[in-house]
């Protein structure tokens, strides 16, 4: 592999103006004082707000209506996943169990789960949070006129009933393995006292309410929104009545900074405290780690693998589409034309490694999957044989052409944070005899999800689900109905893949479920629905904060209410 792929980003030439742009105000914005709670009184002297940066300004504050929404730390649901991968209750007092009456599996394959809420829950505005707010949220999440990014698990429910203020009874139309731990924003309650009348009057405009994009937003998480200067910062204040107690840090500023080098500079200048994953890349993380190796001022989190980058193939007719991609032999030939080992080494610098599946090697199921999946090691001879089989042959110049002499044109697409992946894949395919072009989606256009789903060739994406086949289900195809936020931007659709995926969600027996997942992975890789490329470390960094516990899955902010500001900035 050419040495240019290994060039590291320099931390030298950062602009002073960029640092000023990231700098927090001397004191955080003054939010309205909330209801006093059992979490304790506020400190006598206000803390300097900590600054968290991400790569984009969220379109709105709810990530069920838009997948790029803020979600955590302003919204929680019944439970969350800890740093060992185990669920624990948040709004729920305890989680349903199959060993008692709180989780019942009926003879006809339906189920019932009963969640008991913690006592004295309130919304950010002080109004009581009750079981009726969950029943209302269920109606919203299933309303076709509201563009919900994913209706799982709500679409598997037949009803949500508020038996009393603290009892949420969920009737399930089928068996669902995760029914006992609704995590993240799954069935996250919505403030019925503020939204029900507006929802009932016109569901079609519900997602456009100023509630989702302003200080009107009221939720239930550890932090509440006090101000949102769009394009600048979202200002958050600790919520005293949070279900698990008052957060230790008083104020947070969430800022969008698109340039990773600017984020590195902000860390070194002390104007940034935490970066979400994808905000900085591996090379920038190495710069920070080198800087902090002797001073111990901050910490880079890169030891755990999170997610897999993968290639999507366009399966529908769009302007400039390469129709040969509809043939599985062509997709296989393209896979054999890539050197994934060299790609992973160039991108991850020793972290992660090439991937043939989304399951990490440390999981018990990995060996079962590894024994049956289709693999595509770098093999130009096999690629050439497959191309020839479908009518693409190499000429004297080494370039593939069809029977009419046309070159194999294919656009390699990807977002700005995957620009190097796009360039390397393009270089490899050009060397193999293809005629690739490059399209890097600027960060400013990341939110144009409809346009992003119209790539004509291949697109490089990333997912955090071990079961990558989820991103290739028919239900995840971007449509106007889901505001083009479905994850299956290549529009692959295979009823058998969907059947196996849905069956995996219904199978409670762990051994039988593993067998189904293995079959699913075999189909996914054999048909090259998408192509796993490399495992990726989920990079984050912090300075001046203690209590960050890198998760096994999900969001680094899963325990943000436990974070604390440190005096020296060193990790503790």
Protein backbone atom coordinates (compact mmCIF):
# COMPACT_ATOMS: atom_id res chain seq x y z
CA UNK A 1 0.00 0.00 0.00
CA UNK A 2 1.28 3.42 -0.93
CA UNK A 3 2.73 5.36 1.98
CA UNK A 4 0.46 8.36 1.38
CA UNK A 5 -2.33 6.44 3.10
CA UNK A 6 -0.41 6.57 6.35
CA UNK A 7 0.12 10.31 6.60
CA UNK A 8 -0.92 11.55 10.07
CA UNK A 9 -2.73 14.80 10.66
CA UNK A 10 -0.55 17.52 12.15
CA UNK A 11 -1.58 19.44 15.23
CA UNK A 12 0.57 22.40 14.20
CA UNK A 13 -1.22 25.19 12.27
CA UNK A 14 -4.44 25.66 14.16
CA UNK A 15 -6.07 29.10 13.83
CA UNK A 16 -6.57 31.24 16.91
CA UNK A 17 -9.96 32.21 15.55
CA UNK A 18 -11.04 28.57 15.56
CA UNK A 19 -10.16 28.31 19.24
CA UNK A 20 -12.23 31.39 20.02
CA UNK A 21 -15.16 29.89 18.13
CA UNK A 22 -15.06 26.84 20.39
CA UNK A 23 -14.51 28.74 23.63
CA UNK A 24 -17.37 28.59 26.12
CA UNK A 25 -18.76 31.67 27.78
CA UNK A 26 -17.29 32.55 31.15
CA UNK A 27 -20.58 31.59 32.75
CA UNK A 28 -23.29 29.40 31.30
CA UNK A 29 -26.65 30.78 30.27
CA UNK A 30 -29.05 31.38 33.07
CA UNK A 31 -31.93 28.96 32.70
CA UNK A 32 -35.18 29.12 34.58
CA UNK A 33 -34.94 27.54 37.96
CA UNK A 34 -36.61 24.16 38.01
CA UNK A 35 -38.42 22.27 40.72
CA UNK A 36 -36.29 21.29 43.67
CA UNK A 37 -35.65 17.60 43.85
CA UNK A 38 -34.31 14.88 46.08
CA UNK A 39 -30.98 15.06 44.27
CA UNK A 40 -29.78 17.89 46.53
CA UNK A 41 -29.35 21.64 46.34
CA UNK A 42 -27.27 23.43 43.72
CA UNK A 43 -23.69 24.36 44.65
CA UNK A 44 -23.23 27.86 46.06
CA UNK A 45 -20.85 28.87 43.27
CA UNK A 46 -21.82 27.98 39.69
CA UNK A 47 -19.44 25.77 37.76
CA UNK A 48 -18.03 26.72 34.39
CA UNK A 49 -20.12 24.85 31.82
CA UNK A 50 -18.39 21.87 30.27
CA UNK A 51 -18.26 21.87 26.48
CA UNK A 52 -19.26 18.79 24.50
CA UNK A 53 -18.70 18.87 20.75
CA UNK A 54 -20.24 16.85 17.95
CA UNK A 55 -19.75 17.11 14.21
CA UNK A 56 -23.16 18.57 13.33
CA UNK A 57 -25.82 20.81 14.81
CA UNK A 58 -28.81 18.54 15.52
CA UNK A 59 -31.81 19.28 13.28
CA UNK A 60 -34.08 18.93 16.32
CA UNK A 61 -34.01 17.61 19.88
CA UNK A 62 -35.76 14.26 19.42
CA UNK A 63 -33.92 11.42 17.69
CA UNK A 64 -37.08 9.42 17.05
CA UNK A 65 -38.32 12.09 14.64
CA UNK A 66 -34.87 12.66 13.14
CA UNK A 67 -32.02 10.18 13.60
CA UNK A 68 -29.55 13.08 13.90
CA UNK A 69 -31.52 14.52 16.83
CA UNK A 70 -29.89 15.10 20.18
CA UNK A 71 -31.58 12.34 22.20
CA UNK A 72 -29.27 11.79 25.16
CA UNK A 73 -28.70 13.61 27.50
CA UNK A 74 -32.12 15.28 27.34
CA UNK A 75 -34.29 12.18 26.83
CA UNK A 76 -34.40 8.79 28.56
CA UNK A 77 -36.85 5.90 28.71
CA UNK A 78 -37.43 2.87 30.90
CA UNK A 79 -33.83 1.64 30.85
CA UNK A 80 -30.32 2.01 29.49
CA UNK A 81 -27.32 -0.22 28.77
CA UNK A 82 -24.30 0.07 31.09
CA UNK A 83 -20.61 -0.30 30.30
CA UNK A 84 -20.82 -4.08 30.71
CA UNK A 85 -23.61 -4.38 28.16
CA UNK A 86 -26.28 -5.02 30.80
CA UNK A 87 -29.60 -3.14 31.02
CA UNK A 88 -30.48 -1.17 34.15
CA UNK A 89 -33.68 0.71 35.00
CA UNK A 90 -34.00 4.51 34.73
CA UNK A 91 -37.65 5.59 34.67
CA UNK A 92 -38.72 2.08 35.61
CA UNK A 93 -38.43 1.04 39.24
CA UNK A 94 -37.35 -2.39 38.06
CA UNK A 95 -37.34 -4.28 34.77
CA UNK A 96 -39.86 -7.01 33.85
CA UNK A 97 -38.78 -10.61 34.35
CA UNK A 98 -40.08 -13.82 32.87
CA UNK A 99 -39.82 -15.39 36.32
CA UNK A 100 -42.75 -13.38 37.68
CA UNK A 101 -46.02 -11.89 36.46
CA UNK A 102 -44.34 -8.80 35.00
CA UNK A 103 -43.45 -10.65 31.76
CA UNK A 104 -45.95 -13.19 30.42
CA UNK A 105 -45.61 -15.19 27.19
CA UNK A 106 -48.99 -16.44 26.01
CA UNK A 107 -49.69 -19.72 24.23
CA UNK A 108 -50.63 -17.89 21.02
CA UNK A 109 -47.22 -16.18 20.80
CA UNK A 110 -48.35 -12.82 22.17
CA UNK A 111 -46.86 -11.30 25.30
CA UNK A 112 -47.48 -8.86 28.10
CA UNK A 113 -44.91 -6.85 30.04
CA UNK A 114 -45.65 -4.62 33.01
CA UNK A 115 -43.36 -1.75 33.95
CA UNK A 116 -43.73 0.00 37.29
CA UNK A 117 -42.42 3.56 37.19
CA UNK A 118 -40.33 5.13 39.92
CA UNK A 119 -42.39 7.30 42.27
CA UNK A 120 -42.59 11.10 41.85
CA UNK A 121 -41.27 11.32 38.29
CA UNK A 122 -41.62 14.75 36.69
CA UNK A 123 -41.06 16.43 33.37
CA UNK A 124 -38.52 19.22 32.99
CA UNK A 125 -41.31 21.77 33.54
CA UNK A 126 -42.32 20.17 36.85
CA UNK A 127 -45.48 18.46 35.60
CA UNK A 128 -45.96 14.85 36.76
CA UNK A 129 -44.65 12.16 34.39
CA UNK A 130 -47.09 9.27 34.45
CA UNK A 131 -47.94 6.05 32.65
CA UNK A 132 -50.35 7.99 30.43
CA UNK A 133 -47.36 9.75 28.85
CA UNK A 134 -46.10 6.37 27.62
CA UNK A 135 -49.52 5.46 26.21
CA UNK A 136 -49.58 8.80 24.37
CA UNK A 137 -46.05 8.28 23.02
CA UNK A 138 -47.10 4.87 21.67
CA UNK A 139 -49.84 6.55 19.63
CA UNK A 140 -47.38 9.08 18.23
CA UNK A 141 -44.71 6.51 17.30
CA UNK A 142 -47.24 4.48 15.29
CA UNK A 143 -48.94 7.41 13.56
CA UNK A 144 -48.12 7.20 9.81
CA UNK A 145 -48.36 11.00 9.44
CA UNK A 146 -45.47 11.48 11.89
CA UNK A 147 -42.04 10.73 10.32
CA UNK A 148 -40.58 8.38 12.91
CA UNK A 149 -37.07 7.12 12.04
CA UNK A 150 -37.78 3.62 13.34
CA UNK A 151 -41.03 2.20 14.66
CA UNK A 152 -39.25 -0.66 16.39
CA UNK A 153 -40.20 -1.85 18.98
CA UNK A 154 -43.54 -0.02 19.00
CA UNK A 155 -44.73 -1.72 15.80
CA UNK A 156 -44.49 -5.05 17.65
CA UNK A 157 -46.87 -3.81 20.36
CA UNK A 158 -50.64 -4.15 20.08
CA UNK A 159 -51.41 -1.72 22.90
CA UNK A 160 -49.89 0.36 25.70
CA UNK A 161 -52.21 0.85 28.67
CA UNK A 162 -51.84 3.14 31.69
CA UNK A 163 -53.33 0.99 34.46
CA UNK A 164 -52.62 3.76 36.95
CA UNK A 165 -50.14 6.62 37.18
CA UNK A 166 -47.18 4.30 37.80
CA UNK A 167 -48.16 1.13 35.91
CA UNK A 168 -47.47 0.76 32.18
CA UNK A 169 -48.87 -2.42 30.67
CA UNK A 170 -47.60 -3.32 27.20
CA UNK A 171 -49.41 -5.86 25.07
CA UNK A 172 -47.15 -7.42 22.41
CA UNK A 173 -48.45 -8.90 19.17
CA UNK A 174 -45.50 -11.29 19.06
CA UNK A 175 -42.54 -12.48 21.04
CA UNK A 176 -39.80 -9.85 21.25
CA UNK A 177 -36.48 -10.62 22.90
CA UNK A 178 -35.87 -7.11 24.22
CA UNK A 179 -39.33 -6.51 25.63
CA UNK A 180 -37.95 -6.52 29.16
CA UNK A 181 -35.55 -3.62 28.67
CA UNK A 182 -36.75 -0.67 26.60
CA UNK A 183 -33.54 1.32 26.29
CA UNK A 184 -32.44 4.65 24.84
CA UNK A 185 -35.52 6.27 23.33
CA UNK A 186 -37.55 3.08 22.82
CA UNK A 187 -41.11 3.98 23.86
CA UNK A 188 -39.64 7.13 25.42
CA UNK A 189 -42.56 9.03 26.94
CA UNK A 190 -43.78 12.32 25.46
CA UNK A 191 -45.29 15.15 27.55
CA UNK A 192 -48.99 14.56 26.99
CA UNK A 193 -49.96 17.74 28.85
CA UNK A 194 -48.11 19.83 26.23
CA UNK A 195 -48.47 17.84 23.01
CA UNK A 196 -51.62 15.70 22.98
CA UNK A 197 -54.03 18.43 21.81
CA UNK A 198 -51.67 19.50 19.02
CA UNK A 199 -51.13 15.90 17.94
CA UNK A 200 -54.86 15.14 17.88
CA UNK A 201 -55.66 18.30 15.93
CA UNK A 202 -53.14 17.69 13.11
CA UNK A 203 -50.67 14.77 13.20
CA UNK A 204 -49.24 15.78 9.81
CA UNK A 205 -47.70 18.97 11.24
CA UNK A 206 -46.73 17.47 14.60
CA UNK A 207 -43.04 17.04 13.65
CA UNK A 208 -42.82 20.69 12.54
CA UNK A 209 -43.85 22.16 15.89
CA UNK A 210 -41.40 24.70 17.37
CA UNK A 211 -41.41 22.45 20.44
CA UNK A 212 -38.76 20.20 18.82
CA UNK A 213 -36.36 22.99 17.80
CA UNK A 214 -36.45 25.53 20.61
CA UNK A 215 -36.45 26.19 24.34
CA UNK A 216 -40.07 25.02 24.35
CA UNK A 217 -38.71 21.46 24.39
CA UNK A 218 -39.60 19.60 27.58
CA UNK A 219 -38.35 16.10 28.28
CA UNK A 220 -37.23 13.80 31.08
CA UNK A 221 -33.46 13.34 30.84
CA UNK A 222 -30.71 14.39 33.24
CA UNK A 223 -30.36 17.75 31.46
CA UNK A 224 -32.95 20.23 30.21
CA UNK A 225 -32.60 22.77 27.43
CA UNK A 226 -32.37 26.41 28.56
CA UNK A 227 -31.35 28.02 25.26
CA UNK A 228 -30.55 27.01 21.70
CA UNK A 229 -28.58 29.39 19.52
CA UNK A 230 -28.85 27.50 16.24
CA UNK A 231 -25.47 27.02 14.62
CA UNK A 232 -23.71 28.04 17.84
CA UNK A 233 -24.63 25.96 20.88
CA UNK A 234 -27.35 24.16 22.81
CA UNK A 235 -27.24 25.17 26.47
CA UNK A 236 -28.22 22.52 28.99
CA UNK A 237 -28.85 22.71 32.73
CA UNK A 238 -28.86 19.90 35.29
CA UNK A 239 -32.38 18.67 36.04
CA UNK A 240 -32.80 18.42 39.84
CA UNK A 241 -35.67 15.93 39.63
CA UNK A 242 -33.96 13.46 37.28
CA UNK A 243 -35.04 9.89 38.03
CA UNK A 244 -31.57 8.83 39.23
CA UNK A 245 -30.72 12.01 41.10
CA UNK A 246 -29.38 15.44 40.28
CA UNK A 247 -26.44 15.38 37.82
CA UNK A 248 -23.07 16.37 39.27
CA UNK A 249 -22.22 18.85 36.53
CA UNK A 250 -24.43 21.95 36.54
CA UNK A 251 -24.25 23.20 32.95
CA UNK A 252 -23.29 21.82 29.54
CA UNK A 253 -22.78 23.55 26.21
CA UNK A 254 -23.22 21.26 23.23
CA UNK A 255 -21.43 22.72 20.21
CA UNK A 256 -21.21 21.58 16.61
CA UNK A 257 -17.67 21.74 15.22
CA UNK A 258 -17.28 20.18 11.79
CA UNK A 259 -13.47 20.25 11.59
CA UNK A 260 -11.65 17.59 13.63
CA UNK A 261 -8.40 19.56 13.71
CA UNK A 262 -10.24 22.47 15.32
CA UNK A 263 -11.53 20.06 17.97
CA UNK A 264 -7.99 18.83 18.67
CA UNK A 265 -6.88 22.45 19.06
CA UNK A 266 -9.79 23.12 21.41
CA UNK A 267 -8.80 20.20 23.63
CA UNK A 268 -5.21 21.38 23.80
CA UNK A 269 -6.33 24.95 24.56
CA UNK A 270 -8.75 23.84 27.27
CA UNK A 271 -11.91 25.10 25.53
CA UNK A 272 -13.39 21.64 24.87
CA UNK A 273 -14.07 18.95 27.48
CA UNK A 274 -15.55 16.03 25.55
CA UNK A 275 -15.96 14.95 21.95
CA UNK A 276 -18.59 12.52 20.79
CA UNK A 277 -17.57 9.67 18.52
CA UNK A 278 -17.18 10.68 14.84
CA UNK A 279 -16.18 14.20 15.92
CA UNK A 280 -12.50 13.26 15.62
CA UNK A 281 -10.91 10.48 13.61
CA UNK A 282 -8.21 7.98 14.50
CA UNK A 283 -5.38 10.18 13.30
CA UNK A 284 -6.57 13.12 15.36
CA UNK A 285 -7.01 10.86 18.37
CA UNK A 286 -3.38 9.75 17.97
CA UNK A 287 -2.30 13.41 18.03
CA UNK A 288 -4.16 13.93 21.32
CA UNK A 289 -2.82 10.72 22.82
CA UNK A 290 0.74 11.72 21.96
CA UNK A 291 0.20 15.17 23.49
CA UNK A 292 -1.29 13.76 26.67
CA UNK A 293 1.05 10.77 27.07
CA UNK A 294 3.37 12.71 29.39
CA UNK A 295 1.03 15.33 30.87
CA UNK A 296 -1.97 13.01 31.50
CA UNK A 297 -4.21 16.05 31.02
CA UNK A 298 -6.80 14.13 29.03
CA UNK A 299 -7.83 10.70 27.85
CA UNK A 300 -8.57 9.17 24.46
CA UNK A 301 -11.07 6.29 24.36
CA UNK A 302 -10.12 3.92 21.57
CA UNK A 303 -9.69 0.52 23.14
CA UNK A 304 -13.12 -0.90 22.46
CA UNK A 305 -14.43 -1.67 18.99
CA UNK A 306 -17.74 -0.06 18.17
CA UNK A 307 -19.46 -0.70 14.93
CA UNK A 308 -18.34 -1.60 11.47
CA UNK A 309 -17.90 0.43 8.33
CA UNK A 310 -19.59 -1.15 5.33
CA UNK A 311 -20.28 -0.51 1.67
CA UNK A 312 -23.79 -0.05 0.33
CA UNK A 313 -24.64 -0.86 -3.29
CA UNK A 314 -27.39 1.08 -5.03
CA UNK A 315 -30.22 -1.28 -6.00
CA UNK A 316 -32.68 1.17 -7.56
CA UNK A 317 -32.62 3.32 -10.66
CA UNK A 318 -31.34 6.82 -9.91
CA UNK A 319 -29.61 9.37 -12.16
CA UNK A 320 -26.21 8.01 -13.20
CA UNK A 321 -26.96 4.54 -11.80
CA UNK A 322 -24.61 1.67 -12.63
CA UNK A 323 -27.14 -1.12 -13.41
CA UNK A 324 -24.49 -3.86 -13.24
CA UNK A 325 -24.70 -3.53 -9.44
CA UNK A 326 -28.01 -5.40 -9.54
CA UNK A 327 -26.07 -8.61 -10.38
CA UNK A 328 -24.71 -10.39 -7.30
CA UNK A 329 -21.69 -11.58 -9.32
CA UNK A 330 -20.70 -7.98 -9.95
CA UNK A 331 -21.00 -7.14 -6.26
CA UNK A 332 -18.85 -10.17 -5.46
CA UNK A 333 -16.27 -9.13 -8.08
CA UNK A 334 -16.11 -5.63 -6.61
CA UNK A 335 -15.57 -7.16 -3.17
CA UNK A 336 -12.71 -9.37 -4.40
CA UNK A 337 -11.13 -6.26 -5.96
CA UNK A 338 -10.71 -4.58 -2.57
CA UNK A 339 -7.78 -5.16 -0.23
CA UNK A 340 -9.63 -4.78 3.07
CA UNK A 341 -6.53 -5.53 5.13
CA UNK A 342 -4.68 -2.59 3.58
CA UNK A 343 -7.78 -0.41 3.84
CA UNK A 344 -8.19 -1.11 7.56
CA UNK A 345 -4.49 -0.54 8.23
CA UNK A 346 -4.58 2.79 6.41
CA UNK A 347 -7.72 4.02 8.15
CA UNK A 348 -7.44 2.56 11.66
CA UNK A 349 -3.64 2.47 12.16
CA UNK A 350 -3.67 -0.81 14.05
CA UNK A 351 -7.05 -0.42 15.74
CA UNK A 352 -10.04 -2.39 14.54
CA UNK A 353 -8.96 -4.42 11.54
CA UNK A 354 -10.73 -5.82 8.45
CA UNK A 355 -14.24 -7.16 8.92
CA UNK A 356 -16.22 -9.90 7.17
CA UNK A 357 -19.17 -9.48 9.55
CA UNK A 358 -20.47 -6.92 12.00
CA UNK A 359 -19.93 -9.30 14.94
CA UNK A 360 -16.68 -8.56 16.84
CA UNK A 361 -14.34 -11.47 17.42
CA UNK A 362 -14.84 -11.31 21.19
CA UNK A 363 -18.51 -12.31 21.04
CA UNK A 364 -19.43 -15.98 21.62
CA UNK A 365 -21.46 -16.07 18.39
CA UNK A 366 -18.51 -14.94 16.26
CA UNK A 367 -17.01 -18.40 15.68
CA UNK A 368 -20.40 -19.77 14.54
CA UNK A 369 -20.84 -16.89 12.12
CA UNK A 370 -17.26 -17.04 10.88
CA UNK A 371 -17.66 -20.69 9.89
CA UNK A 372 -20.54 -20.09 7.47
CA UNK A 373 -20.37 -16.57 6.03
CA UNK A 374 -19.14 -15.75 2.54
CA UNK A 375 -15.78 -13.98 2.65
CA UNK A 376 -14.13 -11.81 0.03
CA UNK A 377 -10.36 -11.65 0.50
CA UNK A 378 -8.38 -9.61 -1.99
CA UNK A 379 -8.25 -11.82 -5.10
CA UNK A 380 -7.94 -10.06 -8.50
CA UNK A 381 -8.12 -13.39 -10.40
CA UNK A 382 -11.49 -14.32 -8.92
CA UNK A 383 -12.72 -10.80 -9.50
CA UNK A 384 -11.70 -10.92 -13.16
CA UNK A 385 -13.39 -14.29 -13.68
CA UNK A 386 -16.66 -12.96 -12.24
CA UNK A 387 -16.53 -9.76 -14.28
CA UNK A 388 -15.86 -11.81 -17.42
CA UNK A 389 -18.79 -14.09 -16.61
CA UNK A 390 -21.22 -11.16 -16.78
CA UNK A 391 -19.71 -9.56 -19.88
CA UNK A 392 -17.00 -7.23 -18.60
CA UNK A 393 -13.55 -7.96 -20.06
CA UNK A 394 -10.18 -6.29 -19.73
CA UNK A 395 -8.63 -4.61 -22.73
CA UNK A 396 -4.91 -4.10 -23.50
CA UNK A 397 -4.91 -1.06 -21.21
CA UNK A 398 -6.09 -3.19 -18.27
CA UNK A 399 -9.51 -1.49 -18.09
CA UNK A 400 -12.81 -3.37 -17.94
CA UNK A 401 -15.33 -2.68 -20.71
CA UNK A 402 -18.65 -4.16 -21.65
CA UNK A 403 -19.60 -5.58 -25.06
CA UNK A 404 -20.16 -2.08 -26.42
CA UNK A 405 -16.79 -0.81 -25.25
CA UNK A 406 -18.08 1.23 -22.32
CA UNK A 407 -15.90 1.42 -19.19
CA UNK A 408 -17.17 0.25 -15.83
CA UNK A 409 -18.20 3.60 -14.35
CA UNK A 410 -18.99 3.59 -10.63
CA UNK A 411 -19.29 6.45 -8.18
CA UNK A 412 -17.73 5.92 -4.74
CA UNK A 413 -19.71 8.01 -2.29
CA UNK A 414 -19.33 8.81 1.39
CA UNK A 415 -19.63 11.54 4.03
CA UNK A 416 -16.77 13.91 4.82
CA UNK A 417 -15.59 11.88 7.82
CA UNK A 418 -15.06 8.91 5.47
CA UNK A 419 -13.26 10.83 2.74
CA UNK A 420 -10.09 8.74 3.06
CA UNK A 421 -12.07 5.49 2.83
CA UNK A 422 -13.69 6.82 -0.34
CA UNK A 423 -10.35 7.83 -1.86
CA UNK A 424 -8.63 4.55 -1.02
CA UNK A 425 -11.48 2.40 -2.35
CA UNK A 426 -11.49 4.49 -5.52
CA UNK A 427 -7.72 4.07 -5.94
CA UNK A 428 -7.95 0.31 -5.45
CA UNK A 429 -10.72 -0.08 -8.00
CA UNK A 430 -8.93 2.13 -10.52
CA UNK A 431 -5.88 -0.12 -10.16
CA UNK A 432 -8.16 -3.14 -10.70
CA UNK A 433 -9.37 -1.74 -14.05
CA UNK A 434 -12.57 0.03 -13.10
CA UNK A 435 -13.43 3.66 -13.79
CA UNK A 436 -14.43 5.08 -10.39
CA UNK A 437 -15.39 8.65 -9.60
CA UNK A 438 -15.45 10.20 -6.13
CA UNK A 439 -18.28 12.00 -4.37
CA UNK A 440 -17.60 13.22 -0.84
CA UNK A 441 -20.69 14.60 0.89
CA UNK A 442 -19.75 17.84 2.70
CA UNK A 443 -20.59 17.99 6.39
CA UNK A 444 -23.01 20.82 5.67
CA UNK A 445 -25.04 18.41 3.50
CA UNK A 446 -25.00 15.49 5.93
CA UNK A 447 -28.55 16.22 7.01
CA UNK A 448 -29.88 16.13 3.44
CA UNK A 449 -30.86 12.51 3.88
CA UNK A 450 -33.02 12.38 0.76
CA UNK A 451 -30.09 13.42 -1.44
CA UNK A 452 -27.75 11.02 0.35
CA UNK A 453 -30.01 8.10 -0.52
CA UNK A 454 -29.69 8.89 -4.24
CA UNK A 455 -26.07 7.83 -4.78
CA UNK A 456 -25.70 6.03 -8.15
CA UNK A 457 -22.92 3.59 -7.32
CA UNK A 458 -21.66 2.64 -3.87
CA UNK A 459 -21.62 4.50 -0.58
CA UNK A 460 -19.51 3.92 2.51
CA UNK A 461 -21.45 3.99 5.76
CA UNK A 462 -21.05 2.76 9.31
CA UNK A 463 -23.31 1.08 11.83
CA UNK A 464 -23.15 0.15 15.48
CA UNK A 465 -25.46 -2.87 15.33
CA UNK A 466 -23.66 -6.20 15.39
CA UNK A 467 -26.36 -7.49 13.07
CA UNK A 468 -25.54 -5.38 10.02
CA UNK A 469 -28.36 -7.07 8.14
CA UNK A 470 -30.72 -4.76 10.04
CA UNK A 471 -29.49 -1.93 7.78
CA UNK A 472 -30.46 -3.98 4.71
CA UNK A 473 -34.07 -4.74 5.68
CA UNK A 474 -36.87 -3.49 3.45
CA UNK A 475 -38.34 -1.54 6.36
CA UNK A 476 -35.19 0.61 6.50
CA UNK A 477 -35.37 1.84 2.88
CA UNK A 478 -35.54 5.68 2.94
CA UNK A 479 -38.94 6.93 1.83
CA UNK A 480 -40.97 10.09 2.03
CA UNK A 481 -42.99 8.41 4.79
CA UNK A 482 -39.95 8.12 7.08
CA UNK A 483 -38.48 11.44 5.84
CA UNK A 484 -35.73 9.47 4.09
CA UNK A 485 -34.09 8.64 7.41
CA UNK A 486 -34.13 4.86 6.89
CA UNK A 487 -30.67 3.33 7.15
CA UNK A 488 -30.96 1.19 3.98
CA UNK A 489 -29.91 3.95 1.56
CA UNK A 490 -29.06 1.43 -1.16
CA UNK A 491 -32.68 0.17 -1.15
CA UNK A 492 -31.74 -3.52 -0.98
CA UNK A 493 -34.84 -5.63 -0.34
CA UNK A 494 -34.98 -9.39 0.18
CA UNK A 495 -38.09 -10.93 1.83
CA UNK A 496 -36.07 -13.91 3.10
CA UNK A 497 -33.56 -11.63 4.82
CA UNK A 498 -36.45 -9.73 6.39
CA UNK A 499 -38.07 -12.98 7.52
CA UNK A 500 -34.91 -14.17 9.25
CA UNK A 501 -34.27 -10.81 10.86
CA UNK A 502 -37.81 -10.59 12.21
CA UNK A 503 -37.64 -14.20 13.38
CA UNK A 504 -34.47 -13.37 15.34
CA UNK A 505 -36.43 -10.69 17.20
CA UNK A 506 -39.12 -13.20 18.16
CA UNK A 507 -36.92 -16.04 19.39
CA UNK A 508 -36.33 -15.99 23.14
CA UNK A 509 -34.26 -19.19 23.33
CA UNK A 510 -30.61 -17.98 23.03
CA UNK A 511 -29.32 -21.08 21.20
CA UNK A 512 -32.15 -21.06 18.65
CA UNK A 513 -31.75 -17.33 18.17
CA UNK A 514 -28.04 -17.76 17.47
CA UNK A 515 -28.87 -20.34 14.80
CA UNK A 516 -31.22 -17.86 13.11
CA UNK A 517 -28.65 -15.07 13.28
CA UNK A 518 -26.06 -17.35 11.68
CA UNK A 519 -28.47 -18.13 8.81
CA UNK A 520 -29.18 -14.43 8.46
CA UNK A 521 -25.50 -13.56 8.28
CA UNK A 522 -24.85 -16.26 5.70
CA UNK A 523 -27.61 -14.87 3.44
CA UNK A 524 -26.47 -11.27 3.99
CA UNK A 525 -22.86 -12.02 2.98
CA UNK A 526 -23.59 -14.49 0.18
CA UNK A 527 -25.91 -12.05 -1.57
CA UNK A 528 -23.52 -9.16 -0.80
CA UNK A 529 -26.49 -7.14 0.40
CA UNK A 530 -23.82 -4.81 1.72
CA UNK A 531 -20.10 -5.36 2.23
CA UNK A 532 -18.50 -5.15 5.69
CA UNK A 533 -15.14 -3.36 5.41
CA UNK A 534 -13.47 -2.78 8.76
CA UNK A 535 -14.14 -2.73 12.45
CA UNK A 536 -13.81 0.76 13.82
CA UNK A 537 -12.89 2.01 17.26
CA UNK A 538 -15.49 4.38 18.61
CA UNK A 539 -13.19 7.29 19.24
CA UNK A 540 -13.97 9.83 21.94
CA UNK A 541 -11.80 12.07 24.11
CA UNK A 542 -12.17 13.99 27.34
CA UNK A 543 -10.29 16.49 29.44
CA UNK A 544 -11.34 17.95 32.78
CA UNK A 545 -14.00 15.28 33.33
CA UNK A 546 -14.14 12.16 35.49
CA UNK A 547 -16.71 9.38 35.41
CA UNK A 548 -16.73 8.66 31.67
CA UNK A 549 -17.21 4.90 31.30
CA UNK A 550 -16.90 3.81 27.65
CA UNK A 551 -19.94 1.71 26.76
CA UNK A 552 -20.14 -1.70 25.21
CA UNK A 553 -22.82 -0.35 22.88
CA UNK A 554 -24.80 2.82 22.53
CA UNK A 555 -23.85 6.32 23.60
CA UNK A 556 -20.88 7.51 25.63
CA UNK A 557 -23.31 9.73 27.54
CA UNK A 558 -25.26 6.78 28.97
CA UNK A 559 -24.19 7.82 32.53
CA UNK A 560 -23.65 11.56 32.01
CA UNK A 561 -25.39 12.38 35.29
CA UNK A 562 -22.45 10.67 37.05
CA UNK A 563 -19.77 12.70 35.28
CA UNK A 564 -17.93 15.27 37.33
CA UNK A 565 -15.60 18.15 36.59
CA UNK A 566 -12.02 17.64 37.72
CA UNK A 567 -9.73 20.39 38.97
CA UNK A 568 -6.66 19.40 36.99
CA UNK A 569 -8.13 17.93 33.84
CA UNK A 570 -6.42 14.56 34.14
CA UNK A 571 -8.50 11.40 33.74
CA UNK A 572 -9.56 9.92 37.06
